[in-house]
Amino acid sequence: MARRIPEHRFEDLVNAATEVFIARGYRLTQMSDVAEAVGVAKGTLYGYVEGKEALFALCLRNADRRRPIVRPETLPVPNPRPGELAAWVKQRLADESVTPLLDAALAIERNDDPRRELTEVVREFYLANSRNHRTIKLVDRCAAEHPEVGEIWQTGAREATRAAFARYIEMRVRAGQFRPVQSAQLAARFLIEVVATWAIHIHWDRFPERFDPVEARENAIEFVVRGLVA
């Protein structure tokens, strides 16, 4: 008989479900897949969450939680109301999409030390992605299949971040502090993809190599800075 999830191991459910959603996507993930990953009977899951939508929302809210996930007093966790999850994702993206140092850099036409400025901007962006890498991977994997999250993710995160970096690059090119580029949009996309590869996607690499995460971060930052700073 499949074992029940101990009370103090509620986070096992969240961690396992997060990985299943990332591996299979929202549409193909079944409650039976999650039950198998956790090691419980499918019926046991419905004692913890009302359905797949409640489970997905639970994962989004807790995927990168630093503290142990405390089991809610009232179970099962209900499915979110219409629009509730979309509103939460929208607010989270508004708080995270454009980091404070990038926002500050966009407020000035030039900087006396563009190399240092860009290094700090990219490092902050990298750390934010690394800190939220499971949540970002989860949303990115499931957004296209989720009825509420997809458009918000595309416009509120991907396009907003790319537009902010493109505007920043254009400003510094005009000031003669960054190298001329054929397309600021493509340069911004390149910067973002370098960061995303090493801060996020590398954790799900099919053929992982051992590397020092700090060295990877600093090499990625230096690679971007050398390519842009005049």
Protein backbone atom coordinates (compact mmCIF):
# COMPACT_ATOMS: atom_id res chain seq x y z
CA MET A 1 0.00 0.00 0.00
CA ALA A 2 1.29 3.49 -0.85
CA ARG A 3 2.40 5.44 2.20
CA ARG A 4 0.78 8.66 3.35
CA ILE A 5 2.69 11.93 3.32
CA PRO A 6 3.83 12.72 6.89
CA GLU A 7 2.51 16.00 8.25
CA HIS A 8 5.97 17.57 8.38
CA ARG A 9 6.70 16.53 4.79
CA PHE A 10 4.01 18.55 3.01
CA GLU A 11 6.77 20.19 1.00
CA ASP A 12 7.59 16.79 -0.54
CA LEU A 13 4.35 17.10 -2.46
CA VAL A 14 5.22 20.60 -3.69
CA ASN A 15 8.76 19.65 -4.71
CA ALA A 16 7.70 16.50 -6.54
CA ALA A 17 4.78 18.21 -8.27
CA THR A 18 7.00 21.09 -9.37
CA GLU A 19 9.40 18.70 -11.09
CA VAL A 20 6.55 16.81 -12.75
CA PHE A 21 4.99 20.02 -14.09
CA ILE A 22 8.41 21.11 -15.41
CA ALA A 23 9.04 17.74 -17.05
CA ARG A 24 5.58 17.19 -18.58
CA GLY A 25 4.03 20.65 -18.87
CA TYR A 26 0.67 21.72 -17.48
CA ARG A 27 -1.61 19.95 -19.94
CA LEU A 28 0.04 16.52 -19.78
CA THR A 29 0.59 16.43 -16.04
CA GLN A 30 -1.90 14.15 -14.33
CA MET A 31 -2.55 13.78 -10.63
CA SER A 32 -1.50 10.13 -10.98
CA ASP A 33 1.93 11.29 -12.24
CA VAL A 34 2.41 13.41 -9.13
CA ALA A 35 1.16 10.65 -6.84
CA GLU A 36 3.69 8.26 -8.33
CA ALA A 37 6.50 10.81 -7.94
CA VAL A 38 5.62 11.40 -4.29
CA GLY A 39 5.01 7.73 -3.57
CA VAL A 40 1.38 7.89 -2.46
CA ALA A 41 -1.96 6.71 -3.77
CA LYS A 42 -3.71 9.10 -6.15
CA GLY A 43 -6.62 9.45 -3.73
CA THR A 44 -4.23 10.67 -1.03
CA LEU A 45 -3.41 13.76 -3.09
CA TYR A 46 -7.03 14.88 -3.03
CA GLY A 47 -6.76 15.06 0.72
CA TYR A 48 -4.15 17.76 0.25
CA VAL A 49 -5.33 19.65 -2.84
CA GLU A 50 -8.72 19.98 -4.48
CA GLY A 51 -7.34 19.40 -7.97
CA LYS A 52 -4.55 20.04 -10.47
CA GLU A 53 -5.15 23.79 -10.55
CA ALA A 54 -4.75 24.01 -6.77
CA LEU A 55 -1.59 21.93 -6.99
CA PHE A 56 -0.14 24.14 -9.74
CA ALA A 57 -0.89 27.29 -7.75
CA LEU A 58 0.70 25.74 -4.68
CA CYS A 59 3.85 24.97 -6.67
CA LEU A 60 4.05 28.47 -8.14
CA ARG A 61 3.82 30.07 -4.71
CA ASN A 62 6.36 27.77 -3.06
CA ALA A 63 8.78 26.47 -5.70
CA ASP A 64 11.65 28.66 -4.50
CA ARG A 65 10.60 29.10 -0.88
CA ARG A 66 13.63 29.30 1.40
CA ARG A 67 11.87 28.11 4.53
CA PRO A 68 10.10 24.78 5.06
CA ILE A 69 6.62 24.73 3.57
CA VAL A 70 4.12 24.56 6.40
CA ARG A 71 1.09 22.39 5.77
CA PRO A 72 -2.05 24.58 5.70
CA GLU A 73 -4.42 24.12 8.59
CA THR A 74 -7.38 23.67 6.24
CA LEU A 75 -7.15 20.86 3.72
CA PRO A 76 -7.60 20.20 0.91
CA VAL A 77 -6.15 23.40 -0.57
CA PRO A 78 -8.94 24.76 -2.81
CA ASN A 79 -8.59 25.54 -6.50
CA PRO A 80 -7.92 29.26 -6.98
CA ARG A 81 -10.85 31.44 -7.95
CA PRO A 82 -11.01 32.64 -11.59
CA GLY A 83 -8.38 35.33 -12.12
CA GLU A 84 -6.73 34.80 -8.73
CA LEU A 85 -3.67 32.97 -10.02
CA ALA A 86 -3.27 35.39 -12.94
CA ALA A 87 -3.34 38.34 -10.54
CA TRP A 88 -0.70 36.73 -8.33
CA VAL A 89 1.61 36.00 -11.29
CA LYS A 90 1.13 39.53 -12.64
CA GLN A 91 2.10 41.08 -9.32
CA ARG A 92 5.09 38.77 -8.91
CA LEU A 93 6.34 39.67 -12.37
CA ALA A 94 5.85 43.38 -11.70
CA ASP A 95 8.04 43.03 -8.62
CA GLU A 96 10.75 40.95 -10.31
CA SER A 97 10.91 41.66 -14.07
CA VAL A 98 12.98 44.85 -14.01
CA THR A 99 15.55 44.74 -11.23
CA PRO A 100 16.32 47.90 -9.17
CA LEU A 101 19.79 48.53 -10.62
CA LEU A 102 18.52 48.25 -14.20
CA ASP A 103 15.67 50.58 -13.33
CA ALA A 104 18.16 53.06 -11.83
CA ALA A 105 20.43 52.81 -14.88
CA LEU A 106 17.50 53.63 -17.17
CA ALA A 107 16.97 56.89 -15.27
CA ILE A 108 20.32 58.41 -16.34
CA GLU A 109 21.69 59.09 -19.81
CA ARG A 110 25.25 58.00 -19.07
CA ASN A 111 27.37 56.59 -16.27
CA ASP A 112 30.92 57.54 -15.39
CA ASP A 113 31.87 53.87 -15.05
CA PRO A 114 29.79 51.91 -17.59
CA ARG A 115 31.75 48.68 -17.07
CA ARG A 116 31.06 48.63 -13.37
CA GLU A 117 27.45 49.66 -13.92
CA LEU A 118 26.80 46.89 -16.45
CA THR A 119 28.57 44.32 -14.28
CA GLU A 120 26.37 45.19 -11.32
CA VAL A 121 23.19 45.30 -13.42
CA VAL A 122 23.86 41.88 -14.95
CA ARG A 123 24.93 40.35 -11.62
CA GLU A 124 21.73 41.54 -9.92
CA PHE A 125 19.67 40.17 -12.81
CA TYR A 126 21.56 36.88 -12.67
CA LEU A 127 21.05 36.52 -8.91
CA ALA A 128 17.33 37.28 -9.23
CA ASN A 129 16.99 34.56 -11.88
CA SER A 130 19.04 32.11 -9.85
CA ARG A 131 17.05 32.83 -6.70
CA ASN A 132 13.77 32.16 -8.54
CA HIS A 133 15.00 29.54 -11.00
CA ARG A 134 12.41 26.85 -10.20
CA THR A 135 9.48 29.27 -10.36
CA ILE A 136 10.72 30.74 -13.65
CA LYS A 137 11.26 27.31 -15.16
CA LEU A 138 7.83 26.20 -13.99
CA VAL A 139 6.04 29.21 -15.49
CA ASP A 140 8.06 29.07 -18.69
CA ARG A 141 7.28 25.38 -19.15
CA CYS A 142 3.57 25.62 -18.41
CA ALA A 143 2.57 29.12 -19.51
CA ALA A 144 1.65 28.27 -23.09
CA GLU A 145 -0.76 25.58 -21.89
CA HIS A 146 -2.30 27.42 -18.95
CA PRO A 147 -5.45 29.44 -19.68
CA GLU A 148 -4.55 32.39 -17.40
CA VAL A 149 -0.76 32.53 -17.15
CA GLY A 150 0.47 32.38 -20.76
CA GLU A 151 -0.19 35.93 -21.98
CA ILE A 152 0.93 37.46 -18.68
CA TRP A 153 4.23 35.58 -18.84
CA GLN A 154 4.90 36.59 -22.44
CA THR A 155 4.07 40.29 -22.10
CA GLY A 156 4.69 40.93 -18.42
CA ALA A 157 8.01 39.14 -18.08
CA ARG A 158 9.74 38.19 -21.30
CA GLU A 159 8.84 41.23 -23.41
CA ALA A 160 9.06 43.73 -20.55
CA THR A 161 12.52 42.54 -19.51
CA ARG A 162 13.81 42.45 -23.08
CA ALA A 163 12.46 45.95 -23.76
CA ALA A 164 14.10 47.34 -20.63
CA PHE A 165 17.51 45.89 -21.50
CA ALA A 166 17.18 47.01 -25.13
CA ARG A 167 16.45 50.57 -24.03
CA TYR A 168 19.41 50.48 -21.63
CA ILE A 169 21.76 49.22 -24.34
CA GLU A 170 20.52 51.86 -26.80
CA MET A 171 21.12 54.63 -24.23
CA ARG A 172 24.70 53.55 -23.54
CA VAL A 173 25.45 53.09 -27.24
CA ARG A 174 24.24 56.65 -27.91
CA ALA A 175 26.46 57.88 -25.09
CA GLY A 176 29.45 56.12 -26.71
CA GLN A 177 29.90 53.87 -23.69
CA PHE A 178 28.74 50.59 -25.29
CA ARG A 179 29.88 49.18 -28.60
CA PRO A 180 27.54 49.85 -31.53
CA VAL A 181 25.21 46.90 -32.13
CA GLN A 182 23.14 46.06 -35.18
CA SER A 183 20.06 45.48 -33.03
CA ALA A 184 19.61 46.47 -29.40
CA GLN A 185 16.66 44.05 -29.21
CA LEU A 186 18.87 41.14 -30.27
CA ALA A 187 21.67 42.24 -27.96
CA ALA A 188 19.19 42.35 -25.08
CA ARG A 189 17.90 38.89 -26.00
CA PHE A 190 21.46 37.58 -26.11
CA LEU A 191 22.20 39.01 -22.66
CA ILE A 192 19.01 37.51 -21.20
CA GLU A 193 19.60 34.09 -22.76
CA VAL A 194 23.16 33.89 -21.43
CA VAL A 195 21.88 34.61 -17.94
CA ALA A 196 18.91 32.27 -18.30
CA THR A 197 21.09 29.39 -19.49
CA TRP A 198 23.43 29.49 -16.51
CA ALA A 199 21.13 30.78 -13.79
CA ILE A 200 18.09 28.64 -14.68
CA HIS A 201 18.20 26.04 -17.43
CA ILE A 202 21.52 24.46 -16.48
CA HIS A 203 19.78 22.88 -13.48
CA TRP A 204 17.80 20.68 -15.90
CA ASP A 205 20.66 19.91 -18.29
CA ARG A 206 20.35 16.36 -19.60
CA PHE A 207 24.11 15.94 -19.58
CA PRO A 208 25.26 18.00 -16.58
CA GLU A 209 28.89 18.81 -15.96
CA ARG A 210 30.42 19.66 -12.62
CA PHE A 211 31.14 23.36 -12.27
CA ASP A 212 31.45 26.01 -9.61
CA PRO A 213 28.20 28.05 -9.65
CA VAL A 214 30.04 31.24 -8.67
CA GLU A 215 32.59 30.77 -11.45
CA ALA A 216 29.77 30.12 -13.92
CA ARG A 217 28.01 33.30 -12.83
CA GLU A 218 31.12 35.48 -13.01
CA ASN A 219 32.16 34.05 -16.38
CA ALA A 220 28.70 34.72 -17.80
CA ILE A 221 28.78 38.29 -16.50
CA GLU A 222 32.28 38.94 -17.86
CA PHE A 223 31.29 37.45 -21.23
CA VAL A 224 28.38 39.89 -21.53
CA VAL A 225 30.32 42.91 -20.26
CA ARG A 226 33.27 42.38 -22.60
CA GLY A 227 30.91 42.06 -25.52
CA LEU A 228 29.10 45.33 -24.84
CA VAL A 229 31.38 47.82 -23.12
CA ALA A 230 33.39 49.99 -25.49
